[in-house]
């Protein structure tokens, strides 16, 4: 079932409070629910709506490609696409700063930083939807990452897993350094593969629709490991 079928019951089923709760209240009346909520699904969706809309504001406007990228993540039904744009507009025009949303998301998921990285992954996917990532978007994403508690090194790892190229450091993509031992390299790769496995993603509460997008990140991780393996003879 699409995440959009869950939002109508969200106000009753999820006590989010704060800016996310306010946005949820503005959205919930536009959808019909046909089964019980999974709270994590709804929080993840509302958090991504809010933060991606604020990111769009950072580069000047909500472009059709950015909305399509959001639709790719959540598999928005055709009949709900107009509502997606409306929700984006509500979040974009909200006077609440992006940092308030980011702090609330960080607080909700403080015990599960892997979900915070999932949010960052989704934001990068949206940022590059128009085939370029502007400096203003990188600055925005870095500020969100800092609020989420990611170090500069971790932010660079996440960034390169989405917008890296052949010249980029494959060790950094795996979250290690060139002086890492072979066993550390293997462990880092296995950890990344485990964290991005579909079963792991669903188990930690991200929407099922998100899983296909994670495959793109895993391709870069696999390529980084391939390059290191060839260099090291692993």
C-alpha atoms as a PDB file:
ATOM      1  CA  UNK A   1       0.000   0.000   0.000  1.00  0.00           C
ATOM      2  CA  UNK A   2       1.240   3.486  -0.818  1.00  0.00           C
ATOM      3  CA  UNK A   3       2.273   5.741   2.040  1.00  0.00           C
ATOM      4  CA  UNK A   4      -0.400   8.178   0.856  1.00  0.00           C
ATOM      5  CA  UNK A   5      -3.144   5.797   1.922  1.00  0.00           C
ATOM      6  CA  UNK A   6      -1.938   6.046   5.500  1.00  0.00           C
ATOM      7  CA  UNK A   7      -1.820   9.774   6.045  1.00  0.00           C
ATOM      8  CA  UNK A   8      -5.489  10.365   6.800  1.00  0.00           C
ATOM      9  CA  UNK A   9      -5.238   8.397  10.022  1.00  0.00           C
ATOM     10  CA  UNK A  10      -1.887   9.796  10.959  1.00  0.00           C
ATOM     11  CA  UNK A  11      -3.133  12.612  13.144  1.00  0.00           C
ATOM     12  CA  UNK A  12      -4.897  10.112  15.379  1.00  0.00           C
ATOM     13  CA  UNK A  13      -2.275   7.381  15.125  1.00  0.00           C
ATOM     14  CA  UNK A  14       0.870   9.452  15.600  1.00  0.00           C
ATOM     15  CA  UNK A  15       1.577  12.072  18.226  1.00  0.00           C
ATOM     16  CA  UNK A  16       4.437  13.747  16.408  1.00  0.00           C
ATOM     17  CA  UNK A  17       3.955  17.222  17.853  1.00  0.00           C
ATOM     18  CA  UNK A  18       6.251  20.083  16.917  1.00  0.00           C
ATOM     19  CA  UNK A  19       6.622  21.351  13.349  1.00  0.00           C
ATOM     20  CA  UNK A  20       6.217  17.874  11.843  1.00  0.00           C
ATOM     21  CA  UNK A  21       2.967  17.415  13.723  1.00  0.00           C
ATOM     22  CA  UNK A  22       1.714  20.757  12.420  1.00  0.00           C
ATOM     23  CA  UNK A  23       2.519  19.784   8.837  1.00  0.00           C
ATOM     24  CA  UNK A  24       0.914  16.399   9.378  1.00  0.00           C
ATOM     25  CA  UNK A  25      -2.249  18.105  10.532  1.00  0.00           C
ATOM     26  CA  UNK A  26      -2.319  20.251   7.395  1.00  0.00           C
ATOM     27  CA  UNK A  27      -1.992  17.177   5.179  1.00  0.00           C
ATOM     28  CA  UNK A  28      -3.925  14.388   6.877  1.00  0.00           C
ATOM     29  CA  UNK A  29      -7.416  15.377   5.829  1.00  0.00           C
ATOM     30  CA  UNK A  30      -6.698  14.817   2.144  1.00  0.00           C
ATOM     31  CA  UNK A  31      -6.230  11.057   2.170  1.00  0.00           C
ATOM     32  CA  UNK A  32      -8.196   7.906   2.920  1.00  0.00           C
ATOM     33  CA  UNK A  33      -6.814   5.170   5.141  1.00  0.00           C
ATOM     34  CA  UNK A  34      -7.754   1.521   4.704  1.00  0.00           C
ATOM     35  CA  UNK A  35      -5.491  -0.206   7.234  1.00  0.00           C
ATOM     36  CA  UNK A  36      -3.674   0.621  10.493  1.00  0.00           C
ATOM     37  CA  UNK A  37      -0.706   2.952  10.358  1.00  0.00           C
ATOM     38  CA  UNK A  38       2.926   2.139  10.735  1.00  0.00           C
ATOM     39  CA  UNK A  39       4.091   5.219  12.571  1.00  0.00           C
ATOM     40  CA  UNK A  40       7.639   5.064  11.239  1.00  0.00           C
ATOM     41  CA  UNK A  41       6.369   5.159   7.671  1.00  0.00           C
ATOM     42  CA  UNK A  42       4.412   8.328   8.308  1.00  0.00           C
ATOM     43  CA  UNK A  43       7.155  10.120  10.242  1.00  0.00           C
ATOM     44  CA  UNK A  44       9.661   9.264   7.527  1.00  0.00           C
ATOM     45  CA  UNK A  45       7.355  10.571   4.791  1.00  0.00           C
ATOM     46  CA  UNK A  46       6.451  13.800   6.582  1.00  0.00           C
ATOM     47  CA  UNK A  47      10.085  14.425   7.510  1.00  0.00           C
ATOM     48  CA  UNK A  48      11.141  13.981   3.918  1.00  0.00           C
ATOM     49  CA  UNK A  49       8.367  16.220   2.608  1.00  0.00           C
ATOM     50  CA  UNK A  50       9.380  18.991   4.991  1.00  0.00           C
ATOM     51  CA  UNK A  51      13.130  18.780   4.474  1.00  0.00           C
ATOM     52  CA  UNK A  52      12.997  18.319   0.706  1.00  0.00           C
ATOM     53  CA  UNK A  53      10.608  21.263   0.347  1.00  0.00           C
ATOM     54  CA  UNK A  54      12.976  23.442   2.366  1.00  0.00           C
ATOM     55  CA  UNK A  55      15.869  22.244   0.215  1.00  0.00           C
ATOM     56  CA  UNK A  56      13.919  23.213  -2.899  1.00  0.00           C
ATOM     57  CA  UNK A  57      13.477  26.658  -1.399  1.00  0.00           C
ATOM     58  CA  UNK A  58      17.247  26.841  -0.943  1.00  0.00           C
ATOM     59  CA  UNK A  59      17.754  26.540  -4.709  1.00  0.00           C
ATOM     60  CA  UNK A  60      14.930  28.955  -5.490  1.00  0.00           C
ATOM     61  CA  UNK A  61      11.939  26.845  -6.485  1.00  0.00           C
ATOM     62  CA  UNK A  62      10.237  23.468  -6.441  1.00  0.00           C
ATOM     63  CA  UNK A  63      11.061  22.048  -9.862  1.00  0.00           C
ATOM     64  CA  UNK A  64       8.981  19.331 -11.573  1.00  0.00           C
ATOM     65  CA  UNK A  65      12.033  17.047 -11.537  1.00  0.00           C
ATOM     66  CA  UNK A  66      12.325  17.350  -7.749  1.00  0.00           C
ATOM     67  CA  UNK A  67       8.681  16.446  -7.313  1.00  0.00           C
ATOM     68  CA  UNK A  68       9.119  13.499  -9.685  1.00  0.00           C
ATOM     69  CA  UNK A  69      12.091  12.334  -7.619  1.00  0.00           C
ATOM     70  CA  UNK A  70       9.930  12.396  -4.499  1.00  0.00           C
ATOM     71  CA  UNK A  71       7.269  10.433  -6.373  1.00  0.00           C
ATOM     72  CA  UNK A  72       9.907   7.852  -7.343  1.00  0.00           C
ATOM     73  CA  UNK A  73      10.781   7.268  -3.707  1.00  0.00           C
ATOM     74  CA  UNK A  74       7.210   6.838  -2.532  1.00  0.00           C
ATOM     75  CA  UNK A  75       5.556   5.490  -5.702  1.00  0.00           C
ATOM     76  CA  UNK A  76       2.857   8.135  -5.545  1.00  0.00           C
ATOM     77  CA  UNK A  77      -0.330   7.038  -7.364  1.00  0.00           C
ATOM     78  CA  UNK A  78      -1.200   9.134 -10.397  1.00  0.00           C
ATOM     79  CA  UNK A  79      -4.384  10.369  -8.777  1.00  0.00           C
ATOM     80  CA  UNK A  80      -2.432  11.710  -5.793  1.00  0.00           C
ATOM     81  CA  UNK A  81       0.309  13.559  -7.686  1.00  0.00           C
ATOM     82  CA  UNK A  82      -1.455  16.890  -7.523  1.00  0.00           C
ATOM     83  CA  UNK A  83      -1.651  16.479  -3.749  1.00  0.00           C
ATOM     84  CA  UNK A  84       2.086  15.798  -3.561  1.00  0.00           C
ATOM     85  CA  UNK A  85       2.789  19.163  -5.139  1.00  0.00           C
ATOM     86  CA  UNK A  86       0.297  20.807  -2.778  1.00  0.00           C
ATOM     87  CA  UNK A  87       1.995  19.277   0.260  1.00  0.00           C
ATOM     88  CA  UNK A  88       5.354  20.476  -1.028  1.00  0.00           C
ATOM     89  CA  UNK A  89       3.975  23.977  -1.346  1.00  0.00           C
ATOM     90  CA  UNK A  90       2.568  23.913   2.190  1.00  0.00           C
ATOM     91  CA  UNK A  91       5.912  22.841   3.617  1.00  0.00           C
ATOM     92  CA  UNK A  92       7.879  25.267   1.456  1.00  0.00           C
ATOM     93  CA  UNK A  93       5.746  28.259   2.441  1.00  0.00           C
ATOM     94  CA  UNK A  94       5.736  27.337   6.131  1.00  0.00           C
ATOM     95  CA  UNK A  95       7.629  30.011   8.070  1.00  0.00           C
ATOM     96  CA  UNK A  96       9.231  27.333  10.244  1.00  0.00           C
ATOM     97  CA  UNK A  97      12.942  27.055   9.457  1.00  0.00           C
ATOM     98  CA  UNK A  98      14.403  23.831   8.114  1.00  0.00           C
ATOM     99  CA  UNK A  99      16.538  23.495  11.235  1.00  0.00           C
ATOM    100  CA  UNK A 100      13.444  23.069  13.423  1.00  0.00           C
ATOM    101  CA  UNK A 101      12.291  20.173  11.238  1.00  0.00           C
ATOM    102  CA  UNK A 102      15.790  18.678  11.177  1.00  0.00           C
ATOM    103  CA  UNK A 103      16.148  18.865  14.965  1.00  0.00           C
ATOM    104  CA  UNK A 104      12.821  17.129  15.463  1.00  0.00           C
ATOM    105  CA  UNK A 105      13.749  14.377  12.998  1.00  0.00           C
ATOM    106  CA  UNK A 106      17.115  13.975  14.770  1.00  0.00           C
ATOM    107  CA  UNK A 107      15.325  13.690  18.107  1.00  0.00           C
ATOM    108  CA  UNK A 108      12.819  11.116  16.850  1.00  0.00           C
ATOM    109  CA  UNK A 109      15.524   8.897  15.357  1.00  0.00           C
ATOM    110  CA  UNK A 110      18.370   9.560  17.793  1.00  0.00           C
ATOM    111  CA  UNK A 111      18.433   5.868  18.762  1.00  0.00           C
ATOM    112  CA  UNK A 112      18.495   4.759  15.118  1.00  0.00           C
ATOM    113  CA  UNK A 113      20.997   6.843  13.116  1.00  0.00           C
ATOM    114  CA  UNK A 114      20.632   4.470  10.152  1.00  0.00           C
ATOM    115  CA  UNK A 115      17.221   6.010   9.487  1.00  0.00           C
ATOM    116  CA  UNK A 116      18.764   9.480   9.600  1.00  0.00           C
ATOM    117  CA  UNK A 117      21.121   8.322   6.869  1.00  0.00           C
ATOM    118  CA  UNK A 118      18.105   7.018   4.935  1.00  0.00           C
ATOM    119  CA  UNK A 119      16.648  10.528   5.091  1.00  0.00           C
ATOM    120  CA  UNK A 120      19.948  11.959   3.827  1.00  0.00           C
ATOM    121  CA  UNK A 121      19.964   9.404   1.011  1.00  0.00           C
ATOM    122  CA  UNK A 122      16.493  10.454  -0.056  1.00  0.00           C
ATOM    123  CA  UNK A 123      17.400  14.137   0.051  1.00  0.00           C
ATOM    124  CA  UNK A 124      20.439  13.528  -2.150  1.00  0.00           C
ATOM    125  CA  UNK A 125      18.268  11.568  -4.583  1.00  0.00           C
ATOM    126  CA  UNK A 126      15.912  14.537  -4.839  1.00  0.00           C
ATOM    127  CA  UNK A 127      18.722  17.101  -5.045  1.00  0.00           C
ATOM    128  CA  UNK A 128      20.274  15.438  -8.086  1.00  0.00           C
ATOM    129  CA  UNK A 129      16.939  14.892  -9.850  1.00  0.00           C
ATOM    130  CA  UNK A 130      17.593  17.729 -12.314  1.00  0.00           C
ATOM    131  CA  UNK A 131      21.053  16.287 -13.148  1.00  0.00           C
ATOM    132  CA  UNK A 132      22.934  18.825 -11.091  1.00  0.00           C
ATOM    133  CA  UNK A 133      23.440  19.517  -7.413  1.00  0.00           C
ATOM    134  CA  UNK A 134      23.860  23.208  -6.693  1.00  0.00           C
ATOM    135  CA  UNK A 135      26.304  24.533  -4.090  1.00  0.00           C
ATOM    136  CA  UNK A 136      23.313  25.910  -2.163  1.00  0.00           C
ATOM    137  CA  UNK A 137      21.878  22.383  -1.998  1.00  0.00           C
ATOM    138  CA  UNK A 138      25.180  20.911  -0.804  1.00  0.00           C
ATOM    139  CA  UNK A 139      25.372  23.596   1.893  1.00  0.00           C
ATOM    140  CA  UNK A 140      21.818  22.796   2.935  1.00  0.00           C
ATOM    141  CA  UNK A 141      22.462  19.048   3.047  1.00  0.00           C
ATOM    142  CA  UNK A 142      25.624  19.561   5.075  1.00  0.00           C
ATOM    143  CA  UNK A 143      23.728  21.645   7.635  1.00  0.00           C
ATOM    144  CA  UNK A 144      21.029  18.980   7.923  1.00  0.00           C
ATOM    145  CA  UNK A 145      23.715  16.314   8.339  1.00  0.00           C
ATOM    146  CA  UNK A 146      25.340  18.322  11.130  1.00  0.00           C
ATOM    147  CA  UNK A 147      22.016  18.594  12.970  1.00  0.00           C
ATOM    148  CA  UNK A 148      21.572  14.839  12.505  1.00  0.00           C
ATOM    149  CA  UNK A 149      24.953  14.329  14.193  1.00  0.00           C
ATOM    150  CA  UNK A 150      27.008  13.206  11.182  1.00  0.00           C
ATOM    151  CA  UNK A 151      30.675  14.210  11.124  1.00  0.00           C
ATOM    152  CA  UNK A 152      32.295  15.902   8.131  1.00  0.00           C
ATOM    153  CA  UNK A 153      33.842  12.543   7.192  1.00  0.00           C
ATOM    154  CA  UNK A 154      30.465  10.797   7.346  1.00  0.00           C
ATOM    155  CA  UNK A 155      28.833  13.519   5.276  1.00  0.00           C
ATOM    156  CA  UNK A 156      31.491  13.152   2.574  1.00  0.00           C
ATOM    157  CA  UNK A 157      30.947   9.382   2.574  1.00  0.00           C
ATOM    158  CA  UNK A 158      27.204   9.802   2.097  1.00  0.00           C
ATOM    159  CA  UNK A 159      27.690  12.477  -0.566  1.00  0.00           C
ATOM    160  CA  UNK A 160      30.141  10.400  -2.600  1.00  0.00           C
ATOM    161  CA  UNK A 161      27.822   7.393  -2.485  1.00  0.00           C
ATOM    162  CA  UNK A 162      25.349   9.511  -4.459  1.00  0.00           C
ATOM    163  CA  UNK A 163      27.257  12.011  -6.575  1.00  0.00           C
ATOM    164  CA  UNK A 164      30.734  10.530  -6.728  1.00  0.00           C
ATOM    165  CA  UNK A 165      32.712   9.805  -9.886  1.00  0.00           C
ATOM    166  CA  UNK A 166      35.548   7.625 -11.094  1.00  0.00           C
ATOM    167  CA  UNK A 167      38.132   9.944  -9.540  1.00  0.00           C
ATOM    168  CA  UNK A 168      36.579   9.799  -6.077  1.00  0.00           C
ATOM    169  CA  UNK A 169      38.147   7.951  -3.181  1.00  0.00           C
ATOM    170  CA  UNK A 170      36.576   4.466  -2.985  1.00  0.00           C
ATOM    171  CA  UNK A 171      37.828   4.096   0.586  1.00  0.00           C
ATOM    172  CA  UNK A 172      35.806   7.116   1.664  1.00  0.00           C
ATOM    173  CA  UNK A 173      32.673   5.688   0.040  1.00  0.00           C
ATOM    174  CA  UNK A 174      33.077   2.641   2.292  1.00  0.00           C
ATOM    175  CA  UNK A 175      33.737   4.846   5.322  1.00  0.00           C
ATOM    176  CA  UNK A 176      37.365   3.795   5.773  1.00  0.00           C
ATOM    177  CA  UNK A 177      40.828   5.163   4.940  1.00  0.00           C
ATOM    178  CA  UNK A 178      43.550   3.941   2.533  1.00  0.00           C
ATOM    179  CA  UNK A 179      45.616   2.617   5.436  1.00  0.00           C
ATOM    180  CA  UNK A 180      42.798   0.281   6.534  1.00  0.00           C
ATOM    181  CA  UNK A 181      43.732  -3.380   6.752  1.00  0.00           C
ATOM    182  CA  UNK A 182      42.128  -5.873   4.384  1.00  0.00           C
ATOM    183  CA  UNK A 183      39.912  -7.274   7.133  1.00  0.00           C
ATOM    184  CA  UNK A 184      38.662  -3.766   7.928  1.00  0.00           C
ATOM    185  CA  UNK A 185      37.846  -3.251   4.258  1.00  0.00           C
ATOM    186  CA  UNK A 186      35.833  -6.457   4.099  1.00  0.00           C
ATOM    187  CA  UNK A 187      33.997  -5.601   7.321  1.00  0.00           C
ATOM    188  CA  UNK A 188      33.189  -2.105   6.086  1.00  0.00           C
ATOM    189  CA  UNK A 189      31.783  -3.460   2.837  1.00  0.00           C
ATOM    190  CA  UNK A 190      29.712  -6.110   4.603  1.00  0.00           C
ATOM    191  CA  UNK A 191      28.367  -3.478   6.980  1.00  0.00           C
ATOM    192  CA  UNK A 192      27.333  -1.214   4.103  1.00  0.00           C
ATOM    193  CA  UNK A 193      25.754  -4.117   2.232  1.00  0.00           C
ATOM    194  CA  UNK A 194      23.826  -5.153   5.341  1.00  0.00           C
ATOM    195  CA  UNK A 195      22.609  -1.630   6.105  1.00  0.00           C
ATOM    196  CA  UNK A 196      21.332  -1.183   2.554  1.00  0.00           C
ATOM    197  CA  UNK A 197      19.734  -4.621   2.184  1.00  0.00           C
ATOM    198  CA  UNK A 198      15.960  -4.432   1.488  1.00  0.00           C
ATOM    199  CA  UNK A 199      15.062  -6.542   4.541  1.00  0.00           C
ATOM    200  CA  UNK A 200      17.160  -4.308   6.798  1.00  0.00           C
ATOM    201  CA  UNK A 201      15.608  -1.138   5.389  1.00  0.00           C
ATOM    202  CA  UNK A 202      12.058  -2.382   5.895  1.00  0.00           C
ATOM    203  CA  UNK A 203      12.854  -3.743   9.353  1.00  0.00           C
ATOM    204  CA  UNK A 204      14.011  -0.345  10.564  1.00  0.00           C
ATOM    205  CA  UNK A 205      10.780   1.271   9.432  1.00  0.00           C
ATOM    206  CA  UNK A 206      11.355   3.013   6.120  1.00  0.00           C
ATOM    207  CA  UNK A 207       8.567   2.687   3.549  1.00  0.00           C
ATOM    208  CA  UNK A 208       8.794  -0.282   1.200  1.00  0.00           C
ATOM    209  CA  UNK A 209       8.773   2.143  -1.718  1.00  0.00           C
ATOM    210  CA  UNK A 210      12.154   3.471  -0.564  1.00  0.00           C
ATOM    211  CA  UNK A 211      13.952   0.185  -1.146  1.00  0.00           C
ATOM    212  CA  UNK A 212      14.364   0.482  -4.918  1.00  0.00           C
ATOM    213  CA  UNK A 213      16.111   3.826  -4.500  1.00  0.00           C
ATOM    214  CA  UNK A 214      18.645   2.274  -2.127  1.00  0.00           C
ATOM    215  CA  UNK A 215      19.819   0.017  -4.949  1.00  0.00           C
ATOM    216  CA  UNK A 216      21.381   3.051  -6.634  1.00  0.00           C
ATOM    217  CA  UNK A 217      23.502   3.774  -3.576  1.00  0.00           C
ATOM    218  CA  UNK A 218      24.511   0.127  -3.323  1.00  0.00           C
ATOM    219  CA  UNK A 219      25.819   0.195  -6.893  1.00  0.00           C
ATOM    220  CA  UNK A 220      28.330   2.876  -5.924  1.00  0.00           C
ATOM    221  CA  UNK A 221      29.319   0.932  -2.818  1.00  0.00           C
ATOM    222  CA  UNK A 222      29.830  -2.236  -4.885  1.00  0.00           C
ATOM    223  CA  UNK A 223      31.916  -0.314  -7.408  1.00  0.00           C
ATOM    224  CA  UNK A 224      34.057   1.181  -4.640  1.00  0.00           C
ATOM    225  CA  UNK A 225      34.695  -2.278  -3.188  1.00  0.00           C
ATOM    226  CA  UNK A 226      35.470  -3.647  -6.655  1.00  0.00           C
ATOM    227  CA  UNK A 227      38.085  -0.941  -7.218  1.00  0.00           C
ATOM    228  CA  UNK A 228      39.702  -1.532  -3.830  1.00  0.00           C
ATOM    229  CA  UNK A 229      39.630  -5.293  -4.289  1.00  0.00           C
ATOM    230  CA  UNK A 230      41.377  -4.985  -7.653  1.00  0.00           C
ATOM    231  CA  UNK A 231      44.001  -2.704  -6.140  1.00  0.00           C
ATOM    232  CA  UNK A 232      44.577  -4.884  -3.085  1.00  0.00           C
ATOM    233  CA  UNK A 233      44.135  -8.274  -4.764  1.00  0.00           C
ATOM    234  CA  UNK A 234      41.329  -9.233  -2.367  1.00  0.00           C
END
